[in-house]
N, C-alpha and C. Protein backbone atom coordinates (compact mmCIF):
# COMPACT_ATOMS: atom_id res chain seq x y z
N MET A 1 0.78 -1.25 0.06
CA MET A 1 0.01 -0.01 0.00
C MET A 1 0.93 1.26 0.04
N ASN A 2 1.96 1.33 0.76
CA ASN A 2 2.82 2.40 0.79
C ASN A 2 3.43 2.75 -0.52
N THR A 3 3.73 1.59 -1.31
CA THR A 3 4.34 1.74 -2.58
C THR A 3 3.36 2.51 -3.58
N PHE A 4 2.06 2.10 -3.41
CA PHE A 4 1.04 2.84 -4.17
C PHE A 4 1.00 4.36 -3.94
N PHE A 5 1.02 4.73 -2.60
CA PHE A 5 1.05 6.16 -2.28
C PHE A 5 2.31 6.90 -2.74
N ARG A 6 3.46 6.17 -2.70
CA ARG A 6 4.63 6.86 -3.15
C ARG A 6 4.63 7.03 -4.69
N ILE A 7 4.13 6.04 -5.40
CA ILE A 7 4.05 6.20 -6.88
C ILE A 7 3.04 7.40 -7.16
N ARG A 8 1.82 7.32 -6.53
CA ARG A 8 0.93 8.38 -6.73
C ARG A 8 1.47 9.70 -6.34
N SER A 9 2.21 9.85 -5.28
CA SER A 9 2.83 11.16 -4.85
C SER A 9 3.82 11.57 -5.89
N ALA A 10 4.57 10.55 -6.32
CA ALA A 10 5.60 10.96 -7.39
C ALA A 10 4.90 11.42 -8.70
N LEU A 11 3.82 10.82 -9.10
CA LEU A 11 3.08 11.14 -10.21
C LEU A 11 2.58 12.56 -10.07
N PHE A 12 1.94 12.87 -8.89
CA PHE A 12 1.42 14.28 -8.61
C PHE A 12 2.61 15.33 -8.76
N VAL A 13 3.70 15.03 -8.23
CA VAL A 13 4.92 15.83 -8.29
C VAL A 13 5.35 16.05 -9.78
N PHE A 14 5.39 14.94 -10.49
CA PHE A 14 5.72 15.06 -11.93
C PHE A 14 4.71 15.88 -12.69
N LEU A 15 3.40 15.67 -12.45
CA LEU A 15 2.41 16.32 -13.10
C LEU A 15 2.49 17.89 -12.68
N GLY A 16 2.78 18.20 -11.48
CA GLY A 16 2.95 19.54 -11.07
C GLY A 16 4.06 20.29 -11.79
N ILE A 17 5.13 19.53 -11.93
CA ILE A 17 6.36 20.06 -12.66
C ILE A 17 6.01 20.25 -14.17
N LEU A 18 5.31 19.32 -14.66
CA LEU A 18 4.79 19.38 -16.08
C LEU A 18 3.90 20.64 -16.27
N VAL A 19 2.87 20.82 -15.34
CA VAL A 19 2.01 21.89 -15.51
C VAL A 19 2.80 23.28 -15.33
N ALA A 20 3.71 23.32 -14.33
CA ALA A 20 4.53 24.53 -14.19
C ALA A 20 5.31 24.84 -15.34
N THR A 21 5.87 23.86 -16.00
CA THR A 21 6.65 24.06 -17.19
C THR A 21 5.81 24.64 -18.34
N GLN A 22 4.56 24.06 -18.51
CA GLN A 22 3.67 24.61 -19.46
C GLN A 22 3.18 25.95 -19.15
N LEU A 23 2.97 26.26 -17.85
CA LEU A 23 2.59 27.63 -17.53
C LEU A 23 3.65 28.67 -17.92
N GLN A 24 4.91 28.30 -17.70
CA GLN A 24 5.99 29.23 -18.11
C GLN A 24 6.05 29.43 -19.64
N ALA A 25 5.66 28.37 -20.33
CA ALA A 25 5.75 28.45 -21.75
C ALA A 25 4.68 29.32 -22.36
N GLN A 26 3.51 29.39 -21.70
CA GLN A 26 2.42 30.09 -22.28
C GLN A 26 1.68 30.89 -21.04
N GLU A 27 1.09 32.05 -21.37
CA GLU A 27 0.33 32.76 -20.31
C GLU A 27 -1.10 31.96 -20.14
N VAL A 28 -1.40 31.77 -18.88
CA VAL A 28 -2.64 31.11 -18.53
C VAL A 28 -3.57 32.18 -17.94
N HIS A 29 -4.80 32.12 -18.46
CA HIS A 29 -5.88 33.03 -17.98
C HIS A 29 -6.66 32.38 -16.93
N ILE A 30 -6.56 32.81 -15.66
CA ILE A 30 -7.19 32.12 -14.50
C ILE A 30 -8.21 33.08 -13.87
N GLY A 31 -9.25 32.46 -13.42
CA GLY A 31 -10.27 33.25 -12.71
C GLY A 31 -10.67 32.49 -11.45
N PHE A 32 -11.31 33.24 -10.53
CA PHE A 32 -11.73 32.69 -9.26
C PHE A 32 -13.12 33.28 -8.88
N VAL A 33 -14.00 32.45 -8.46
CA VAL A 33 -15.32 32.87 -8.01
C VAL A 33 -15.62 32.46 -6.55
N LYS A 34 -16.12 33.49 -5.76
CA LYS A 34 -16.36 33.27 -4.34
C LYS A 34 -17.88 32.79 -4.32
N THR A 35 -18.08 31.53 -4.03
CA THR A 35 -19.34 30.97 -3.92
C THR A 35 -20.32 31.59 -3.04
N GLU A 36 -19.76 31.96 -1.76
CA GLU A 36 -20.54 32.49 -0.74
C GLU A 36 -21.14 33.86 -1.14
N ARG A 37 -20.35 34.68 -1.94
CA ARG A 37 -20.87 35.90 -2.34
C ARG A 37 -22.02 35.73 -3.37
N ILE A 38 -21.87 34.79 -4.21
CA ILE A 38 -22.92 34.44 -5.18
C ILE A 38 -24.23 34.05 -4.47
N PHE A 39 -24.12 33.24 -3.42
CA PHE A 39 -25.31 32.85 -2.63
C PHE A 39 -25.92 33.98 -1.83
N LYS A 40 -25.11 35.02 -1.53
CA LYS A 40 -25.66 36.04 -0.72
C LYS A 40 -26.09 37.41 -1.54
N GLU A 41 -25.32 37.61 -2.67
CA GLU A 41 -25.52 38.90 -3.23
C GLU A 41 -26.28 38.75 -4.62
N ALA A 42 -26.41 37.60 -5.20
CA ALA A 42 -27.08 37.60 -6.45
C ALA A 42 -28.53 37.96 -6.31
N THR A 43 -29.10 38.64 -7.17
CA THR A 43 -30.62 38.93 -7.16
C THR A 43 -31.37 37.59 -7.10
N ALA A 44 -31.05 36.60 -7.76
CA ALA A 44 -31.71 35.38 -7.78
C ALA A 44 -31.75 34.76 -6.31
N ALA A 45 -30.58 34.94 -5.66
CA ALA A 45 -30.46 34.40 -4.32
C ALA A 45 -31.35 35.09 -3.34
N LYS A 46 -31.43 36.48 -3.56
CA LYS A 46 -32.28 37.23 -2.69
C LYS A 46 -33.82 36.89 -2.97
N VAL A 47 -34.15 36.71 -4.16
CA VAL A 47 -35.49 36.36 -4.61
C VAL A 47 -35.86 34.95 -4.04
N ALA A 48 -34.93 34.07 -4.11
CA ALA A 48 -35.09 32.66 -3.53
C ALA A 48 -35.33 32.83 -2.07
N GLN A 49 -34.54 33.59 -1.38
CA GLN A 49 -34.62 33.77 0.10
C GLN A 49 -36.01 34.30 0.46
N GLU A 50 -36.50 35.34 -0.32
CA GLU A 50 -37.81 35.88 -0.07
C GLU A 50 -39.00 34.85 -0.33
N LYS A 51 -38.73 34.09 -1.34
CA LYS A 51 -39.72 32.98 -1.75
C LYS A 51 -39.79 31.95 -0.58
N LEU A 52 -38.68 31.58 -0.05
CA LEU A 52 -38.60 30.64 1.01
C LEU A 52 -39.29 31.22 2.30
N THR A 53 -38.94 32.53 2.57
CA THR A 53 -39.62 33.17 3.79
C THR A 53 -41.08 33.20 3.68
N GLN A 54 -41.58 33.42 2.53
CA GLN A 54 -43.05 33.51 2.33
C GLN A 54 -43.67 32.10 2.41
N GLU A 55 -42.97 31.19 1.82
CA GLU A 55 -43.36 29.81 1.76
C GLU A 55 -43.51 29.15 3.19
N PHE A 56 -42.52 29.52 4.07
CA PHE A 56 -42.43 28.92 5.40
C PHE A 56 -42.78 29.82 6.55
N SER A 57 -43.16 31.05 6.32
CA SER A 57 -43.37 31.92 7.46
C SER A 57 -44.62 31.57 8.27
N LYS A 58 -45.71 31.02 7.66
CA LYS A 58 -46.88 30.61 8.23
C LYS A 58 -46.67 29.45 9.23
N ARG A 59 -45.93 28.50 8.70
CA ARG A 59 -45.52 27.35 9.58
C ARG A 59 -44.66 27.64 10.70
N ASP A 60 -43.66 28.60 10.36
CA ASP A 60 -42.78 29.14 11.41
C ASP A 60 -43.52 29.82 12.61
N LYS A 61 -44.46 30.71 12.24
CA LYS A 61 -45.27 31.38 13.13
C LYS A 61 -46.14 30.45 14.02
N GLU A 62 -46.64 29.45 13.28
CA GLU A 62 -47.57 28.46 14.06
C GLU A 62 -46.73 27.77 15.10
N ILE A 63 -45.61 27.31 14.72
CA ILE A 63 -44.75 26.60 15.73
C ILE A 63 -44.31 27.49 16.90
N ILE A 64 -43.96 28.81 16.51
CA ILE A 64 -43.57 29.70 17.64
C ILE A 64 -44.74 29.98 18.52
N ASP A 65 -45.99 30.14 17.94
CA ASP A 65 -47.14 30.33 18.79
C ASP A 65 -47.47 29.11 19.65
N ARG A 66 -47.39 27.98 19.02
CA ARG A 66 -47.73 26.78 19.85
C ARG A 66 -46.67 26.61 20.92
N GLY A 67 -45.30 26.94 20.66
CA GLY A 67 -44.32 26.84 21.73
C GLY A 67 -44.54 27.83 22.81
N GLY A 68 -44.99 29.02 22.42
CA GLY A 68 -45.26 30.05 23.49
C GLY A 68 -46.44 29.62 24.31
N ALA A 69 -47.50 29.13 23.75
CA ALA A 69 -48.74 28.69 24.46
C ALA A 69 -48.36 27.52 25.38
N PHE A 70 -47.48 26.62 24.86
CA PHE A 70 -46.99 25.52 25.74
C PHE A 70 -46.25 25.96 26.86
N LYS A 71 -45.26 26.91 26.67
CA LYS A 71 -44.52 27.42 27.81
C LYS A 71 -45.44 28.12 28.86
N SER A 72 -46.45 28.80 28.35
CA SER A 72 -47.36 29.39 29.36
C SER A 72 -48.12 28.25 30.15
N GLU A 73 -48.51 27.26 29.52
CA GLU A 73 -49.16 26.15 30.16
C GLU A 73 -48.15 25.49 31.20
N VAL A 74 -46.87 25.30 30.89
CA VAL A 74 -45.96 24.76 31.66
C VAL A 74 -45.76 25.67 32.95
N ASP A 75 -45.65 26.97 32.74
CA ASP A 75 -45.48 27.86 33.82
C ASP A 75 -46.71 27.85 34.72
N LYS A 76 -47.89 27.85 34.17
CA LYS A 76 -49.04 27.79 34.93
C LYS A 76 -49.08 26.47 35.76
N PHE A 77 -48.69 25.35 35.13
CA PHE A 77 -48.75 24.04 35.74
C PHE A 77 -47.75 24.01 37.00
N GLN A 78 -46.55 24.58 36.75
CA GLN A 78 -45.62 24.60 37.84
C GLN A 78 -46.10 25.36 39.03
N ILE A 79 -46.95 26.33 38.83
CA ILE A 79 -47.48 27.14 39.97
C ILE A 79 -48.55 26.37 40.63
N GLU A 80 -49.41 25.74 39.79
CA GLU A 80 -50.68 25.15 40.36
C GLU A 80 -50.50 23.63 40.79
N ALA A 81 -49.57 22.95 40.17
CA ALA A 81 -49.42 21.50 40.31
C ALA A 81 -49.25 21.11 41.76
N PRO A 82 -48.45 21.86 42.61
CA PRO A 82 -48.27 21.43 43.98
C PRO A 82 -49.62 21.25 44.79
N THR A 83 -50.66 21.88 44.39
CA THR A 83 -51.96 21.80 45.04
C THR A 83 -52.86 20.71 44.54
N TRP A 84 -52.45 20.08 43.37
CA TRP A 84 -53.27 19.09 42.75
C TRP A 84 -53.07 17.70 43.35
N PRO A 85 -54.07 16.86 43.23
CA PRO A 85 -53.82 15.48 43.68
C PRO A 85 -52.84 14.82 42.71
N GLU A 86 -52.03 13.87 43.24
CA GLU A 86 -50.92 13.25 42.53
C GLU A 86 -51.34 12.71 41.27
N ALA A 87 -52.44 11.92 41.19
CA ALA A 87 -52.91 11.23 39.96
C ALA A 87 -53.24 12.30 38.85
N GLU A 88 -53.84 13.45 39.31
CA GLU A 88 -54.15 14.48 38.22
C GLU A 88 -52.85 15.17 37.79
N ARG A 89 -51.91 15.44 38.72
CA ARG A 89 -50.64 15.99 38.33
C ARG A 89 -49.89 15.07 37.38
N LEU A 90 -49.82 13.73 37.70
CA LEU A 90 -49.16 12.88 36.81
C LEU A 90 -49.71 12.77 35.37
N ALA A 91 -51.08 12.74 35.40
CA ALA A 91 -51.80 12.71 34.17
C ALA A 91 -51.56 13.99 33.26
N ARG A 92 -51.41 15.06 33.91
CA ARG A 92 -51.14 16.41 33.23
C ARG A 92 -49.70 16.42 32.86
N GLU A 93 -48.79 15.90 33.55
CA GLU A 93 -47.41 15.88 33.19
C GLU A 93 -47.22 14.93 31.95
N LYS A 94 -47.93 13.84 31.88
CA LYS A 94 -47.91 12.88 30.79
C LYS A 94 -48.46 13.69 29.50
N GLN A 95 -49.59 14.36 29.71
CA GLN A 95 -50.11 15.11 28.54
C GLN A 95 -49.23 16.18 28.04
N MET A 96 -48.53 16.84 28.98
CA MET A 96 -47.64 17.92 28.57
C MET A 96 -46.39 17.38 27.92
N ALA A 97 -45.95 16.20 28.34
CA ALA A 97 -44.76 15.55 27.63
C ALA A 97 -45.23 15.20 26.24
N GLU A 98 -46.36 14.71 25.99
CA GLU A 98 -46.84 14.41 24.72
C GLU A 98 -46.96 15.68 23.77
N GLN A 99 -47.50 16.75 24.42
CA GLN A 99 -47.46 18.05 23.70
C GLN A 99 -46.07 18.50 23.34
N ASP A 100 -45.17 18.38 24.25
CA ASP A 100 -43.80 18.82 23.93
C ASP A 100 -43.14 17.98 22.87
N ARG A 101 -43.42 16.70 22.81
CA ARG A 101 -42.96 15.78 21.69
C ARG A 101 -43.59 16.24 20.36
N ALA A 102 -44.87 16.60 20.34
CA ALA A 102 -45.58 16.98 19.18
C ALA A 102 -44.94 18.27 18.60
N ILE A 103 -44.66 19.17 19.54
CA ILE A 103 -44.09 20.45 19.11
C ILE A 103 -42.71 20.31 18.56
N GLN A 104 -41.86 19.38 19.23
CA GLN A 104 -40.53 19.11 18.81
C GLN A 104 -40.56 18.42 17.41
N LEU A 105 -41.56 17.55 17.25
CA LEU A 105 -41.67 16.89 15.95
C LEU A 105 -42.01 17.92 14.86
N MET A 106 -42.93 18.89 15.15
CA MET A 106 -43.25 19.84 14.20
C MET A 106 -42.00 20.68 13.84
N ARG A 107 -41.23 21.11 14.89
CA ARG A 107 -39.93 21.83 14.58
C ARG A 107 -39.00 21.12 13.78
N ARG A 108 -38.73 19.89 14.06
CA ARG A 108 -37.86 18.99 13.29
C ARG A 108 -38.29 18.83 11.84
N SER A 109 -39.63 18.64 11.66
CA SER A 109 -40.20 18.45 10.37
C SER A 109 -40.08 19.84 9.60
N PHE A 110 -40.33 20.90 10.19
CA PHE A 110 -40.20 22.21 9.62
C PHE A 110 -38.76 22.46 9.15
N GLN A 111 -37.85 22.23 10.05
CA GLN A 111 -36.39 22.35 9.71
C GLN A 111 -35.99 21.49 8.61
N GLU A 112 -36.39 20.23 8.60
CA GLU A 112 -36.10 19.40 7.45
C GLU A 112 -36.63 19.93 6.14
N ASP A 113 -37.90 20.30 6.10
CA ASP A 113 -38.54 20.78 4.91
C ASP A 113 -37.89 22.06 4.45
N LEU A 114 -37.60 22.96 5.37
CA LEU A 114 -36.92 24.24 5.02
C LEU A 114 -35.58 23.93 4.37
N ALA A 115 -34.76 23.07 5.07
CA ALA A 115 -33.41 22.77 4.55
C ALA A 115 -33.55 22.12 3.21
N ALA A 116 -34.46 21.28 2.97
CA ALA A 116 -34.54 20.60 1.65
C ALA A 116 -34.98 21.70 0.57
N ARG A 117 -35.82 22.55 0.87
CA ARG A 117 -36.26 23.54 -0.09
C ARG A 117 -35.07 24.57 -0.34
N LYS A 118 -34.41 24.84 0.68
CA LYS A 118 -33.30 25.87 0.65
C LYS A 118 -32.15 25.22 -0.29
N ASN A 119 -31.90 23.91 -0.06
CA ASN A 119 -30.95 23.22 -0.96
C ASN A 119 -31.43 23.23 -2.44
N ASP A 120 -32.77 22.97 -2.65
CA ASP A 120 -33.26 23.04 -3.94
C ASP A 120 -32.99 24.37 -4.64
N GLU A 121 -33.33 25.44 -3.87
CA GLU A 121 -33.13 26.81 -4.43
C GLU A 121 -31.68 27.07 -4.74
N LEU A 122 -30.78 26.61 -3.68
CA LEU A 122 -29.40 26.99 -3.94
C LEU A 122 -28.84 26.13 -5.15
N GLN A 123 -29.35 24.97 -5.32
CA GLN A 123 -28.89 24.15 -6.34
C GLN A 123 -29.24 24.81 -7.75
N LEU A 124 -30.46 25.26 -7.85
CA LEU A 124 -30.90 25.94 -9.00
C LEU A 124 -29.99 27.23 -9.30
N LEU A 125 -29.84 27.93 -8.26
CA LEU A 125 -28.94 29.12 -8.36
C LEU A 125 -27.56 28.79 -8.80
N TRP A 126 -27.06 27.74 -8.27
CA TRP A 126 -25.64 27.33 -8.62
C TRP A 126 -25.57 26.81 -10.08
N ILE A 127 -26.63 26.03 -10.48
CA ILE A 127 -26.66 25.62 -11.89
C ILE A 127 -26.56 26.70 -12.85
N ASN A 128 -27.45 27.83 -12.49
CA ASN A 128 -27.41 28.96 -13.34
C ASN A 128 -26.10 29.73 -13.34
N ALA A 129 -25.55 29.81 -12.08
CA ALA A 129 -24.17 30.51 -11.92
C ALA A 129 -23.13 29.73 -12.79
N ASN A 130 -23.17 28.40 -12.69
CA ASN A 130 -22.22 27.62 -13.43
C ASN A 130 -22.34 27.83 -14.99
N LYS A 131 -23.52 27.93 -15.48
CA LYS A 131 -23.80 28.19 -16.88
C LYS A 131 -23.17 29.55 -17.21
N ILE A 132 -23.31 30.48 -16.40
CA ILE A 132 -22.76 31.84 -16.67
C ILE A 132 -21.27 31.83 -16.62
N ILE A 133 -20.77 31.07 -15.64
CA ILE A 133 -19.28 31.01 -15.47
C ILE A 133 -18.63 30.27 -16.71
N LYS A 134 -19.25 29.16 -17.13
CA LYS A 134 -18.80 28.44 -18.35
C LYS A 134 -18.87 29.32 -19.54
N GLN A 135 -19.96 30.02 -19.75
CA GLN A 135 -20.02 30.91 -20.91
C GLN A 135 -19.04 31.97 -20.88
N MET A 136 -18.85 32.59 -19.63
CA MET A 136 -17.76 33.62 -19.47
C MET A 136 -16.32 32.98 -19.75
N ALA A 137 -16.17 31.83 -19.37
CA ALA A 137 -14.86 31.13 -19.55
C ALA A 137 -14.63 30.98 -21.14
N LYS A 138 -15.62 30.62 -21.85
CA LYS A 138 -15.49 30.43 -23.28
C LYS A 138 -15.35 31.79 -23.91
N THR A 139 -16.20 32.78 -23.59
CA THR A 139 -16.16 34.09 -24.28
C THR A 139 -14.87 34.81 -23.89
N GLU A 140 -14.48 34.83 -22.71
CA GLU A 140 -13.20 35.58 -22.29
C GLU A 140 -11.91 34.74 -22.31
N LYS A 141 -12.10 33.53 -22.80
CA LYS A 141 -10.93 32.64 -22.97
C LYS A 141 -10.09 32.35 -21.72
N TYR A 142 -10.94 31.98 -20.66
CA TYR A 142 -10.24 31.54 -19.38
C TYR A 142 -9.79 30.10 -19.56
N ASP A 143 -8.56 29.90 -19.06
CA ASP A 143 -8.06 28.45 -19.16
C ASP A 143 -8.58 27.68 -17.93
N LEU A 144 -8.80 28.47 -16.75
CA LEU A 144 -9.19 27.71 -15.56
C LEU A 144 -9.91 28.77 -14.63
N ILE A 145 -10.99 28.24 -14.05
CA ILE A 145 -11.82 29.11 -13.16
C ILE A 145 -12.01 28.23 -11.87
N PHE A 146 -11.47 28.80 -10.69
CA PHE A 146 -11.62 28.11 -9.49
C PHE A 146 -12.93 28.55 -8.70
N GLN A 147 -13.50 27.71 -7.90
CA GLN A 147 -14.51 28.11 -7.06
C GLN A 147 -14.08 27.83 -5.59
N ASP A 148 -13.97 28.86 -4.86
CA ASP A 148 -13.53 28.83 -3.43
C ASP A 148 -12.09 28.26 -3.35
N ALA A 149 -11.39 28.92 -2.47
CA ALA A 149 -10.04 28.61 -2.19
C ALA A 149 -9.63 29.29 -0.83
N VAL A 150 -8.58 28.83 -0.32
CA VAL A 150 -8.00 29.38 0.93
C VAL A 150 -7.57 30.83 0.75
N TYR A 151 -6.77 31.07 -0.30
CA TYR A 151 -6.36 32.36 -0.67
C TYR A 151 -6.32 32.54 -2.19
N VAL A 152 -6.69 33.66 -2.67
CA VAL A 152 -6.64 34.04 -4.08
C VAL A 152 -6.26 35.41 -4.13
N ASN A 153 -5.28 35.73 -5.04
CA ASN A 153 -4.96 37.15 -5.32
C ASN A 153 -6.22 37.83 -5.92
N PRO A 154 -6.54 39.02 -5.38
CA PRO A 154 -7.68 39.69 -5.83
C PRO A 154 -7.82 39.85 -7.36
N LYS A 155 -6.56 40.00 -7.99
CA LYS A 155 -6.58 40.26 -9.46
C LYS A 155 -7.27 39.05 -10.27
N PHE A 156 -7.37 37.87 -9.64
CA PHE A 156 -8.00 36.69 -10.31
C PHE A 156 -9.50 36.58 -9.97
N ASP A 157 -9.97 37.40 -9.01
CA ASP A 157 -11.41 37.25 -8.61
C ASP A 157 -12.36 37.92 -9.60
N ILE A 158 -13.22 37.00 -10.17
CA ILE A 158 -14.18 37.50 -11.20
C ILE A 158 -15.64 37.38 -10.64
N THR A 159 -15.68 37.32 -9.38
CA THR A 159 -17.06 37.20 -8.66
C THR A 159 -17.95 38.36 -9.11
N ASP A 160 -17.42 39.51 -9.12
CA ASP A 160 -18.19 40.74 -9.46
C ASP A 160 -18.77 40.59 -10.86
N LYS A 161 -17.97 40.12 -11.83
CA LYS A 161 -18.38 39.90 -13.25
C LYS A 161 -19.56 38.91 -13.31
N VAL A 162 -19.36 37.85 -12.50
CA VAL A 162 -20.36 36.76 -12.51
C VAL A 162 -21.67 37.36 -11.96
N LEU A 163 -21.60 38.04 -10.85
CA LEU A 163 -22.77 38.68 -10.19
C LEU A 163 -23.49 39.56 -11.14
N LYS A 164 -22.68 40.41 -11.86
CA LYS A 164 -23.34 41.38 -12.75
C LYS A 164 -23.95 40.61 -13.87
N ALA A 165 -23.41 39.56 -14.41
CA ALA A 165 -23.97 38.75 -15.47
C ALA A 165 -25.31 38.10 -15.03
N MET A 166 -25.24 37.55 -13.81
CA MET A 166 -26.38 36.92 -13.29
C MET A 166 -27.62 37.87 -13.05
N ASN A 167 -27.19 38.99 -12.49
CA ASN A 167 -28.26 40.10 -12.15
C ASN A 167 -28.82 40.64 -13.44
N THR A 168 -28.09 40.77 -14.53
CA THR A 168 -28.51 41.18 -15.79
C THR A 168 -29.52 40.21 -16.42
N LEU A 169 -29.21 38.90 -16.23
CA LEU A 169 -30.09 37.93 -16.81
C LEU A 169 -31.47 37.93 -16.02
N ASP A 170 -31.35 38.16 -14.64
CA ASP A 170 -32.59 38.17 -13.82
C ASP A 170 -33.49 39.31 -14.22
N LYS A 171 -32.93 40.37 -14.72
CA LYS A 171 -33.73 41.52 -15.02
C LYS A 171 -34.54 41.37 -16.33
N LYS A 172 -34.03 40.39 -17.13
CA LYS A 172 -34.66 40.17 -18.46
C LYS A 172 -36.00 39.43 -18.34
């Protein structure tokens, strides 16, 4: 197994040297796109966020209202329960535990549904962004366009160009 990794590492070093040699022989046009900015700043991303807010706000409010009403019931129960007979108190505790589980289930279901829809919207946004990036790469003759990196020299950042192209398409 170690031999495999040594050969693979040597191959990567060789390929790196080969690429570096090629880069010296010709100028390479490189670009970089900040994914996070696309997801935050693109008009389509903002529209998608508003759409999700509208779609899920009613359910969110219902869960918040039910949680608030339940908390009021719990507070009232804690004040009054010491004066109740034990059987009545235990029955009410069981009922409240069931209510709590139901509210938690509603919250979990809401979060899962919201996350799924958000992923769908982000995926559509990213598909459109990739189309624009690929078209830009062909039109402006980019050799390589990266998405996300630890560090990139700002002169390679084409995120503003991509955002402008996306926002122009959204206005049409």
